[in-house]
């Protein structure tokens, strides 16, 4: 039986209010989803907010995200939630972020489901609930959020919602890697190395390196250092070699501080 089948058999349907967070902010309760401004204007505000964020202008990014979120468009509300979760242009406010993610998730935004799952798994700004977090990650994965497969894999591997299931975790990591998540690829590599499947592990490390997500170089270096002879193999690889060099350079700079 698949993980999805097990969940459907063992757990009740997700109900409104299950996230154990306070009601959404008042101004988010005053209009239906899709209210004015038109969607093109909302997307423009989000693009401008992202550009400000990339430029390090957090205060300006927050202004654009707030303006977009007043439309109640689910993705815009999610981005405002991210601002409060991460402290972009404001003091970090996880409980407000949780409320916004809940509002956005009700509107069908997969990333809001993922972000609310992250907070719920940690009990950050809302009640800690591993089962609810798992259901939210499942819902996010169903909406194409590949990172959710990695998180479901971690829950299975660590037994956070029942017995540990390393085999199921590896399948989820491999699925997440196939869908384009570098962290899932790296976790797959870690599990494969632990089982002695070095060649398959190197292939997943190569995939992680190709995906090029932030901070992966350091973790690839840390993983290879734990297995004698692996670093030398990776250093000669056309894809992994530059990553290993970057990781070594970063470690040397850190050690010199």
C-alpha atoms as a PDB file:
ATOM      1  CA  UNK A   1       0.000   0.000   0.000  1.00  0.00           C
ATOM      2  CA  UNK A   2       1.355   3.445  -0.933  1.00  0.00           C
ATOM      3  CA  UNK A   3       2.045   6.198   1.583  1.00  0.00           C
ATOM      4  CA  UNK A   4      -0.920   8.114   0.177  1.00  0.00           C
ATOM      5  CA  UNK A   5      -3.208   5.104   0.667  1.00  0.00           C
ATOM      6  CA  UNK A   6      -1.974   4.663   4.230  1.00  0.00           C
ATOM      7  CA  UNK A   7      -2.716   8.282   5.030  1.00  0.00           C
ATOM      8  CA  UNK A   8      -6.184   8.132   3.546  1.00  0.00           C
ATOM      9  CA  UNK A   9      -6.953   5.002   5.554  1.00  0.00           C
ATOM     10  CA  UNK A  10      -5.478   6.183   8.842  1.00  0.00           C
ATOM     11  CA  UNK A  11      -6.304   9.877   9.010  1.00  0.00           C
ATOM     12  CA  UNK A  12      -9.513  11.894   8.889  1.00  0.00           C
ATOM     13  CA  UNK A  13      -9.948  14.497   6.143  1.00  0.00           C
ATOM     14  CA  UNK A  14      -8.150  17.800   6.640  1.00  0.00           C
ATOM     15  CA  UNK A  15     -10.656  20.224   8.136  1.00  0.00           C
ATOM     16  CA  UNK A  16     -10.759  23.988   8.239  1.00  0.00           C
ATOM     17  CA  UNK A  17      -9.120  25.121  11.473  1.00  0.00           C
ATOM     18  CA  UNK A  18      -6.808  22.108  11.761  1.00  0.00           C
ATOM     19  CA  UNK A  19      -3.748  24.366  11.571  1.00  0.00           C
ATOM     20  CA  UNK A  20      -4.438  25.636  15.115  1.00  0.00           C
ATOM     21  CA  UNK A  21      -3.722  29.237  14.199  1.00  0.00           C
ATOM     22  CA  UNK A  22      -5.738  32.386  14.869  1.00  0.00           C
ATOM     23  CA  UNK A  23      -8.138  33.735  12.207  1.00  0.00           C
ATOM     24  CA  UNK A  24      -6.596  35.586   9.273  1.00  0.00           C
ATOM     25  CA  UNK A  25      -5.914  39.302   9.530  1.00  0.00           C
ATOM     26  CA  UNK A  26      -9.071  41.410   9.336  1.00  0.00           C
ATOM     27  CA  UNK A  27      -8.220  43.050   6.037  1.00  0.00           C
ATOM     28  CA  UNK A  28      -7.923  39.604   4.431  1.00  0.00           C
ATOM     29  CA  UNK A  29     -11.499  38.742   5.360  1.00  0.00           C
ATOM     30  CA  UNK A  30     -13.196  41.601   3.531  1.00  0.00           C
ATOM     31  CA  UNK A  31     -13.247  40.411  -0.093  1.00  0.00           C
ATOM     32  CA  UNK A  32     -13.430  37.186  -2.098  1.00  0.00           C
ATOM     33  CA  UNK A  33     -10.375  35.697  -3.785  1.00  0.00           C
ATOM     34  CA  UNK A  34      -9.607  37.332  -7.114  1.00  0.00           C
ATOM     35  CA  UNK A  35     -10.938  40.759  -6.080  1.00  0.00           C
ATOM     36  CA  UNK A  36      -9.538  43.893  -7.746  1.00  0.00           C
ATOM     37  CA  UNK A  37      -6.871  44.839  -8.712  1.00  0.00           C
ATOM     38  CA  UNK A  38      -6.843  42.606 -11.804  1.00  0.00           C
ATOM     39  CA  UNK A  39      -4.527  39.603 -11.775  1.00  0.00           C
ATOM     40  CA  UNK A  40      -2.067  41.208 -14.194  1.00  0.00           C
ATOM     41  CA  UNK A  41      -1.564  44.042 -11.706  1.00  0.00           C
ATOM     42  CA  UNK A  42      -1.117  41.574  -8.859  1.00  0.00           C
ATOM     43  CA  UNK A  43       1.543  39.671 -10.798  1.00  0.00           C
ATOM     44  CA  UNK A  44       3.309  42.948 -11.600  1.00  0.00           C
ATOM     45  CA  UNK A  45       3.397  43.839  -7.906  1.00  0.00           C
ATOM     46  CA  UNK A  46       4.810  40.416  -7.060  1.00  0.00           C
ATOM     47  CA  UNK A  47       7.496  40.714  -9.744  1.00  0.00           C
ATOM     48  CA  UNK A  48       8.477  44.146  -8.439  1.00  0.00           C
ATOM     49  CA  UNK A  49       8.553  42.784  -4.903  1.00  0.00           C
ATOM     50  CA  UNK A  50      10.801  39.909  -5.950  1.00  0.00           C
ATOM     51  CA  UNK A  51      13.160  42.285  -7.764  1.00  0.00           C
ATOM     52  CA  UNK A  52      13.451  44.409  -4.636  1.00  0.00           C
ATOM     53  CA  UNK A  53      14.025  41.279  -2.577  1.00  0.00           C
ATOM     54  CA  UNK A  54      16.794  40.082  -4.925  1.00  0.00           C
ATOM     55  CA  UNK A  55      18.395  43.510  -4.672  1.00  0.00           C
ATOM     56  CA  UNK A  56      18.366  43.368  -0.883  1.00  0.00           C
ATOM     57  CA  UNK A  57      15.799  46.168  -0.539  1.00  0.00           C
ATOM     58  CA  UNK A  58      13.668  44.321   1.998  1.00  0.00           C
ATOM     59  CA  UNK A  59      11.589  47.328   3.076  1.00  0.00           C
ATOM     60  CA  UNK A  60      10.527  48.026  -0.500  1.00  0.00           C
ATOM     61  CA  UNK A  61       9.830  44.347  -1.152  1.00  0.00           C
ATOM     62  CA  UNK A  62       7.478  44.243   1.823  1.00  0.00           C
ATOM     63  CA  UNK A  63       5.530  47.233   0.481  1.00  0.00           C
ATOM     64  CA  UNK A  64       4.930  45.514  -2.858  1.00  0.00           C
ATOM     65  CA  UNK A  65       3.960  42.220  -1.223  1.00  0.00           C
ATOM     66  CA  UNK A  66       1.515  44.010   1.093  1.00  0.00           C
ATOM     67  CA  UNK A  67      -0.116  45.813  -1.839  1.00  0.00           C
ATOM     68  CA  UNK A  68      -0.438  42.566  -3.801  1.00  0.00           C
ATOM     69  CA  UNK A  69      -1.822  40.649  -0.817  1.00  0.00           C
ATOM     70  CA  UNK A  70      -4.680  43.117  -0.332  1.00  0.00           C
ATOM     71  CA  UNK A  71      -6.265  41.486  -3.374  1.00  0.00           C
ATOM     72  CA  UNK A  72      -6.496  38.223  -1.374  1.00  0.00           C
ATOM     73  CA  UNK A  73      -4.923  36.430  -4.327  1.00  0.00           C
ATOM     74  CA  UNK A  74      -3.583  33.195  -2.754  1.00  0.00           C
ATOM     75  CA  UNK A  75      -0.050  33.486  -4.140  1.00  0.00           C
ATOM     76  CA  UNK A  76       0.221  37.130  -3.088  1.00  0.00           C
ATOM     77  CA  UNK A  77      -0.965  36.283   0.421  1.00  0.00           C
ATOM     78  CA  UNK A  78       1.632  33.509   0.541  1.00  0.00           C
ATOM     79  CA  UNK A  79       4.420  35.936  -0.367  1.00  0.00           C
ATOM     80  CA  UNK A  80       3.376  38.312   2.400  1.00  0.00           C
ATOM     81  CA  UNK A  81       3.428  35.329   4.730  1.00  0.00           C
ATOM     82  CA  UNK A  82       6.982  34.593   3.625  1.00  0.00           C
ATOM     83  CA  UNK A  83       7.942  38.168   4.442  1.00  0.00           C
ATOM     84  CA  UNK A  84       6.702  37.767   8.012  1.00  0.00           C
ATOM     85  CA  UNK A  85       8.181  34.271   8.295  1.00  0.00           C
ATOM     86  CA  UNK A  86      11.637  35.402   7.190  1.00  0.00           C
ATOM     87  CA  UNK A  87      11.605  38.980   8.477  1.00  0.00           C
ATOM     88  CA  UNK A  88      11.820  40.693   5.088  1.00  0.00           C
ATOM     89  CA  UNK A  89      11.504  44.393   5.853  1.00  0.00           C
ATOM     90  CA  UNK A  90       9.870  43.731   9.210  1.00  0.00           C
ATOM     91  CA  UNK A  91      10.421  41.962  12.503  1.00  0.00           C
ATOM     92  CA  UNK A  92       9.965  38.231  12.102  1.00  0.00           C
ATOM     93  CA  UNK A  93       6.393  37.288  13.095  1.00  0.00           C
ATOM     94  CA  UNK A  94       5.804  33.517  12.652  1.00  0.00           C
ATOM     95  CA  UNK A  95       2.263  33.487  14.040  1.00  0.00           C
ATOM     96  CA  UNK A  96       1.196  36.148  11.537  1.00  0.00           C
ATOM     97  CA  UNK A  97       2.980  34.189   8.813  1.00  0.00           C
ATOM     98  CA  UNK A  98       1.063  31.057   9.816  1.00  0.00           C
ATOM     99  CA  UNK A  99      -2.253  32.899   9.569  1.00  0.00           C
ATOM    100  CA  UNK A 100      -1.376  34.182   6.113  1.00  0.00           C
ATOM    101  CA  UNK A 101      -0.206  30.775   4.914  1.00  0.00           C
ATOM    102  CA  UNK A 102      -3.443  29.242   6.178  1.00  0.00           C
ATOM    103  CA  UNK A 103      -5.473  31.846   4.299  1.00  0.00           C
ATOM    104  CA  UNK A 104      -3.470  31.262   1.116  1.00  0.00           C
ATOM    105  CA  UNK A 105      -3.616  27.476   1.471  1.00  0.00           C
ATOM    106  CA  UNK A 106      -7.408  27.650   1.674  1.00  0.00           C
ATOM    107  CA  UNK A 107      -7.254  29.365  -1.709  1.00  0.00           C
ATOM    108  CA  UNK A 108      -5.288  26.431  -3.134  1.00  0.00           C
ATOM    109  CA  UNK A 109      -1.720  27.740  -3.151  1.00  0.00           C
ATOM    110  CA  UNK A 110       0.672  24.780  -2.947  1.00  0.00           C
ATOM    111  CA  UNK A 111       3.604  26.809  -1.645  1.00  0.00           C
ATOM    112  CA  UNK A 112       1.467  28.157   1.185  1.00  0.00           C
ATOM    113  CA  UNK A 113       0.642  24.568   2.132  1.00  0.00           C
ATOM    114  CA  UNK A 114       4.359  23.759   2.122  1.00  0.00           C
ATOM    115  CA  UNK A 115       5.271  26.830   4.148  1.00  0.00           C
ATOM    116  CA  UNK A 116       2.512  26.200   6.692  1.00  0.00           C
ATOM    117  CA  UNK A 117       3.704  22.592   6.947  1.00  0.00           C
ATOM    118  CA  UNK A 118       7.220  23.818   7.759  1.00  0.00           C
ATOM    119  CA  UNK A 119       5.919  25.993  10.599  1.00  0.00           C
ATOM    120  CA  UNK A 120       3.601  23.239  11.844  1.00  0.00           C
ATOM    121  CA  UNK A 121       6.386  20.659  11.871  1.00  0.00           C
ATOM    122  CA  UNK A 122       8.509  22.958  14.037  1.00  0.00           C
ATOM    123  CA  UNK A 123       5.689  24.440  16.108  1.00  0.00           C
ATOM    124  CA  UNK A 124       6.853  27.881  15.005  1.00  0.00           C
ATOM    125  CA  UNK A 125       4.018  30.391  15.263  1.00  0.00           C
ATOM    126  CA  UNK A 126       1.402  27.652  15.600  1.00  0.00           C
ATOM    127  CA  UNK A 127       0.893  24.377  17.444  1.00  0.00           C
ATOM    128  CA  UNK A 128       3.354  21.614  16.586  1.00  0.00           C
ATOM    129  CA  UNK A 129       1.536  18.781  14.789  1.00  0.00           C
ATOM    130  CA  UNK A 130       3.534  16.221  12.810  1.00  0.00           C
ATOM    131  CA  UNK A 131       0.456  14.545  11.338  1.00  0.00           C
ATOM    132  CA  UNK A 132      -1.002  17.813  10.086  1.00  0.00           C
ATOM    133  CA  UNK A 133       2.398  18.823   8.703  1.00  0.00           C
ATOM    134  CA  UNK A 134       2.543  15.546   6.783  1.00  0.00           C
ATOM    135  CA  UNK A 135      -0.923  16.112   5.338  1.00  0.00           C
ATOM    136  CA  UNK A 136       0.022  19.631   4.278  1.00  0.00           C
ATOM    137  CA  UNK A 137       3.220  18.405   2.626  1.00  0.00           C
ATOM    138  CA  UNK A 138       1.161  15.750   0.829  1.00  0.00           C
ATOM    139  CA  UNK A 139      -1.254  18.407  -0.381  1.00  0.00           C
ATOM    140  CA  UNK A 140       1.642  20.607  -1.531  1.00  0.00           C
ATOM    141  CA  UNK A 141       3.222  17.704  -3.403  1.00  0.00           C
ATOM    142  CA  UNK A 142      -0.106  17.119  -5.128  1.00  0.00           C
ATOM    143  CA  UNK A 143       0.123  20.681  -6.423  1.00  0.00           C
ATOM    144  CA  UNK A 144       3.576  20.205  -7.880  1.00  0.00           C
ATOM    145  CA  UNK A 145       5.821  21.415  -5.035  1.00  0.00           C
ATOM    146  CA  UNK A 146       8.727  18.991  -5.430  1.00  0.00           C
ATOM    147  CA  UNK A 147      10.392  20.105  -2.181  1.00  0.00           C
ATOM    148  CA  UNK A 148       7.448  18.577  -0.329  1.00  0.00           C
ATOM    149  CA  UNK A 149       8.577  15.085  -1.390  1.00  0.00           C
ATOM    150  CA  UNK A 150      11.898  15.677   0.350  1.00  0.00           C
ATOM    151  CA  UNK A 151      10.148  16.719   3.561  1.00  0.00           C
ATOM    152  CA  UNK A 152       7.786  13.733   3.451  1.00  0.00           C
ATOM    153  CA  UNK A 153      10.874  11.573   3.022  1.00  0.00           C
ATOM    154  CA  UNK A 154      12.455  13.084   6.127  1.00  0.00           C
ATOM    155  CA  UNK A 155       9.277  12.422   8.108  1.00  0.00           C
ATOM    156  CA  UNK A 156       9.334   8.775   6.993  1.00  0.00           C
ATOM    157  CA  UNK A 157      13.052   8.350   7.623  1.00  0.00           C
ATOM    158  CA  UNK A 158      12.857   9.810  11.125  1.00  0.00           C
ATOM    159  CA  UNK A 159       9.574   8.140  12.061  1.00  0.00           C
ATOM    160  CA  UNK A 160       7.896  11.412  12.981  1.00  0.00           C
ATOM    161  CA  UNK A 161       4.415  10.075  12.210  1.00  0.00           C
ATOM    162  CA  UNK A 162       4.861   6.407  13.074  1.00  0.00           C
ATOM    163  CA  UNK A 163       7.500   3.771  12.460  1.00  0.00           C
ATOM    164  CA  UNK A 164      10.661   4.682  10.617  1.00  0.00           C
ATOM    165  CA  UNK A 165      10.546   3.645   6.962  1.00  0.00           C
ATOM    166  CA  UNK A 166      13.960   4.187   5.303  1.00  0.00           C
ATOM    167  CA  UNK A 167      12.915   2.377   2.101  1.00  0.00           C
ATOM    168  CA  UNK A 168       9.886   4.618   1.623  1.00  0.00           C
ATOM    169  CA  UNK A 169      12.025   7.642   2.458  1.00  0.00           C
ATOM    170  CA  UNK A 170      14.523   6.747  -0.273  1.00  0.00           C
ATOM    171  CA  UNK A 171      11.718   6.392  -2.822  1.00  0.00           C
ATOM    172  CA  UNK A 172      10.439   9.839  -1.869  1.00  0.00           C
ATOM    173  CA  UNK A 173      13.910  11.379  -2.060  1.00  0.00           C
ATOM    174  CA  UNK A 174      14.423   9.859  -5.509  1.00  0.00           C
ATOM    175  CA  UNK A 175      11.041  11.177  -6.603  1.00  0.00           C
ATOM    176  CA  UNK A 176      11.855  14.644  -5.319  1.00  0.00           C
ATOM    177  CA  UNK A 177      15.224  14.560  -7.071  1.00  0.00           C
ATOM    178  CA  UNK A 178      13.572  13.519 -10.332  1.00  0.00           C
ATOM    179  CA  UNK A 179      11.160  16.449  -9.932  1.00  0.00           C
ATOM    180  CA  UNK A 180      14.070  18.882  -9.584  1.00  0.00           C
ATOM    181  CA  UNK A 181      14.836  19.273  -5.873  1.00  0.00           C
ATOM    182  CA  UNK A 182      18.554  19.268  -5.079  1.00  0.00           C
ATOM    183  CA  UNK A 183      18.064  18.599  -1.357  1.00  0.00           C
ATOM    184  CA  UNK A 184      16.050  15.478  -2.176  1.00  0.00           C
ATOM    185  CA  UNK A 185      18.881  14.334  -4.452  1.00  0.00           C
ATOM    186  CA  UNK A 186      21.428  14.906  -1.695  1.00  0.00           C
ATOM    187  CA  UNK A 187      19.318  13.003   0.840  1.00  0.00           C
ATOM    188  CA  UNK A 188      18.942  10.175  -1.672  1.00  0.00           C
ATOM    189  CA  UNK A 189      22.723  10.119  -2.053  1.00  0.00           C
ATOM    190  CA  UNK A 190      23.165   9.987   1.718  1.00  0.00           C
ATOM    191  CA  UNK A 191      20.814   7.008   2.021  1.00  0.00           C
ATOM    192  CA  UNK A 192      22.415   5.217  -0.921  1.00  0.00           C
ATOM    193  CA  UNK A 193      25.888   5.683   0.558  1.00  0.00           C
ATOM    194  CA  UNK A 194      24.701   4.245   3.854  1.00  0.00           C
ATOM    195  CA  UNK A 195      23.484   1.137   2.012  1.00  0.00           C
ATOM    196  CA  UNK A 196      26.731   0.748   0.082  1.00  0.00           C
ATOM    197  CA  UNK A 197      25.337   1.823  -3.311  1.00  0.00           C
ATOM    198  CA  UNK A 198      28.216   4.209  -4.043  1.00  0.00           C
ATOM    199  CA  UNK A 199      27.777   4.462  -7.809  1.00  0.00           C
ATOM    200  CA  UNK A 200      24.086   5.336  -7.504  1.00  0.00           C
ATOM    201  CA  UNK A 201      24.915   7.792  -4.723  1.00  0.00           C
ATOM    202  CA  UNK A 202      27.456   9.627  -6.883  1.00  0.00           C
ATOM    203  CA  UNK A 203      24.836   9.912  -9.626  1.00  0.00           C
ATOM    204  CA  UNK A 204      22.460  11.602  -7.161  1.00  0.00           C
ATOM    205  CA  UNK A 205      25.234  13.896  -5.913  1.00  0.00           C
ATOM    206  CA  UNK A 206      25.869  14.855  -9.527  1.00  0.00           C
ATOM    207  CA  UNK A 207      22.175  15.602  -9.953  1.00  0.00           C
ATOM    208  CA  UNK A 208      22.227  17.770  -6.823  1.00  0.00           C
ATOM    209  CA  UNK A 209      25.241  19.672  -8.150  1.00  0.00           C
ATOM    210  CA  UNK A 210      23.575  20.234 -11.516  1.00  0.00           C
ATOM    211  CA  UNK A 211      20.471  21.647  -9.847  1.00  0.00           C
ATOM    212  CA  UNK A 212      22.712  24.226  -8.196  1.00  0.00           C
ATOM    213  CA  UNK A 213      20.607  25.161  -5.173  1.00  0.00           C
ATOM    214  CA  UNK A 214      22.156  27.398  -2.537  1.00  0.00           C
ATOM    215  CA  UNK A 215      24.393  25.844   0.128  1.00  0.00           C
ATOM    216  CA  UNK A 216      24.464  22.464  -1.619  1.00  0.00           C
ATOM    217  CA  UNK A 217      28.202  22.689  -2.324  1.00  0.00           C
ATOM    218  CA  UNK A 218      29.079  22.687   1.378  1.00  0.00           C
ATOM    219  CA  UNK A 219      26.771  19.760   2.120  1.00  0.00           C
ATOM    220  CA  UNK A 220      28.118  17.749  -0.817  1.00  0.00           C
ATOM    221  CA  UNK A 221      31.599  18.322   0.562  1.00  0.00           C
ATOM    222  CA  UNK A 222      30.530  17.284   4.070  1.00  0.00           C
ATOM    223  CA  UNK A 223      28.919  14.112   2.716  1.00  0.00           C
ATOM    224  CA  UNK A 224      31.947  13.039   0.700  1.00  0.00           C
ATOM    225  CA  UNK A 225      34.243  13.669   3.678  1.00  0.00           C
ATOM    226  CA  UNK A 226      32.344  11.043   5.682  1.00  0.00           C
ATOM    227  CA  UNK A 227      33.260   8.211   3.271  1.00  0.00           C
ATOM    228  CA  UNK A 228      36.934   7.306   2.654  1.00  0.00           C
ATOM    229  CA  UNK A 229      37.922   7.582  -0.978  1.00  0.00           C
ATOM    230  CA  UNK A 230      34.701   9.254  -2.099  1.00  0.00           C
ATOM    231  CA  UNK A 231      36.151  12.756  -2.210  1.00  0.00           C
ATOM    232  CA  UNK A 232      38.846  11.646  -4.664  1.00  0.00           C
ATOM    233  CA  UNK A 233      36.251  10.061  -6.947  1.00  0.00           C
ATOM    234  CA  UNK A 234      34.087  13.166  -6.880  1.00  0.00           C
ATOM    235  CA  UNK A 235      37.032  15.500  -7.439  1.00  0.00           C
ATOM    236  CA  UNK A 236      37.713  13.785 -10.789  1.00  0.00           C
ATOM    237  CA  UNK A 237      34.079  14.065 -11.916  1.00  0.00           C
ATOM    238  CA  UNK A 238      33.337  16.758 -14.514  1.00  0.00           C
ATOM    239  CA  UNK A 239      30.256  17.962 -12.607  1.00  0.00           C
ATOM    240  CA  UNK A 240      31.240  17.299  -9.009  1.00  0.00           C
ATOM    241  CA  UNK A 241      34.885  18.387  -9.322  1.00  0.00           C
ATOM    242  CA  UNK A 242      34.190  22.151  -9.411  1.00  0.00           C
ATOM    243  CA  UNK A 243      31.687  21.752  -6.574  1.00  0.00           C
ATOM    244  CA  UNK A 244      34.283  19.953  -4.456  1.00  0.00           C
ATOM    245  CA  UNK A 245      36.799  22.709  -5.181  1.00  0.00           C
ATOM    246  CA  UNK A 246      34.272  25.359  -4.207  1.00  0.00           C
ATOM    247  CA  UNK A 247      33.459  23.492  -1.001  1.00  0.00           C
ATOM    248  CA  UNK A 248      37.151  23.156  -0.098  1.00  0.00           C
ATOM    249  CA  UNK A 249      37.756  26.826  -0.798  1.00  0.00           C
ATOM    250  CA  UNK A 250      34.807  27.858   1.376  1.00  0.00           C
ATOM    251  CA  UNK A 251      35.998  25.603   4.210  1.00  0.00           C
ATOM    252  CA  UNK A 252      39.499  27.067   4.021  1.00  0.00           C
ATOM    253  CA  UNK A 253      38.171  30.611   4.194  1.00  0.00           C
ATOM    254  CA  UNK A 254      35.969  29.717   7.156  1.00  0.00           C
ATOM    255  CA  UNK A 255      38.893  28.110   8.973  1.00  0.00           C
ATOM    256  CA  UNK A 256      41.024  31.202   8.440  1.00  0.00           C
ATOM    257  CA  UNK A 257      38.506  33.502  10.128  1.00  0.00           C
END
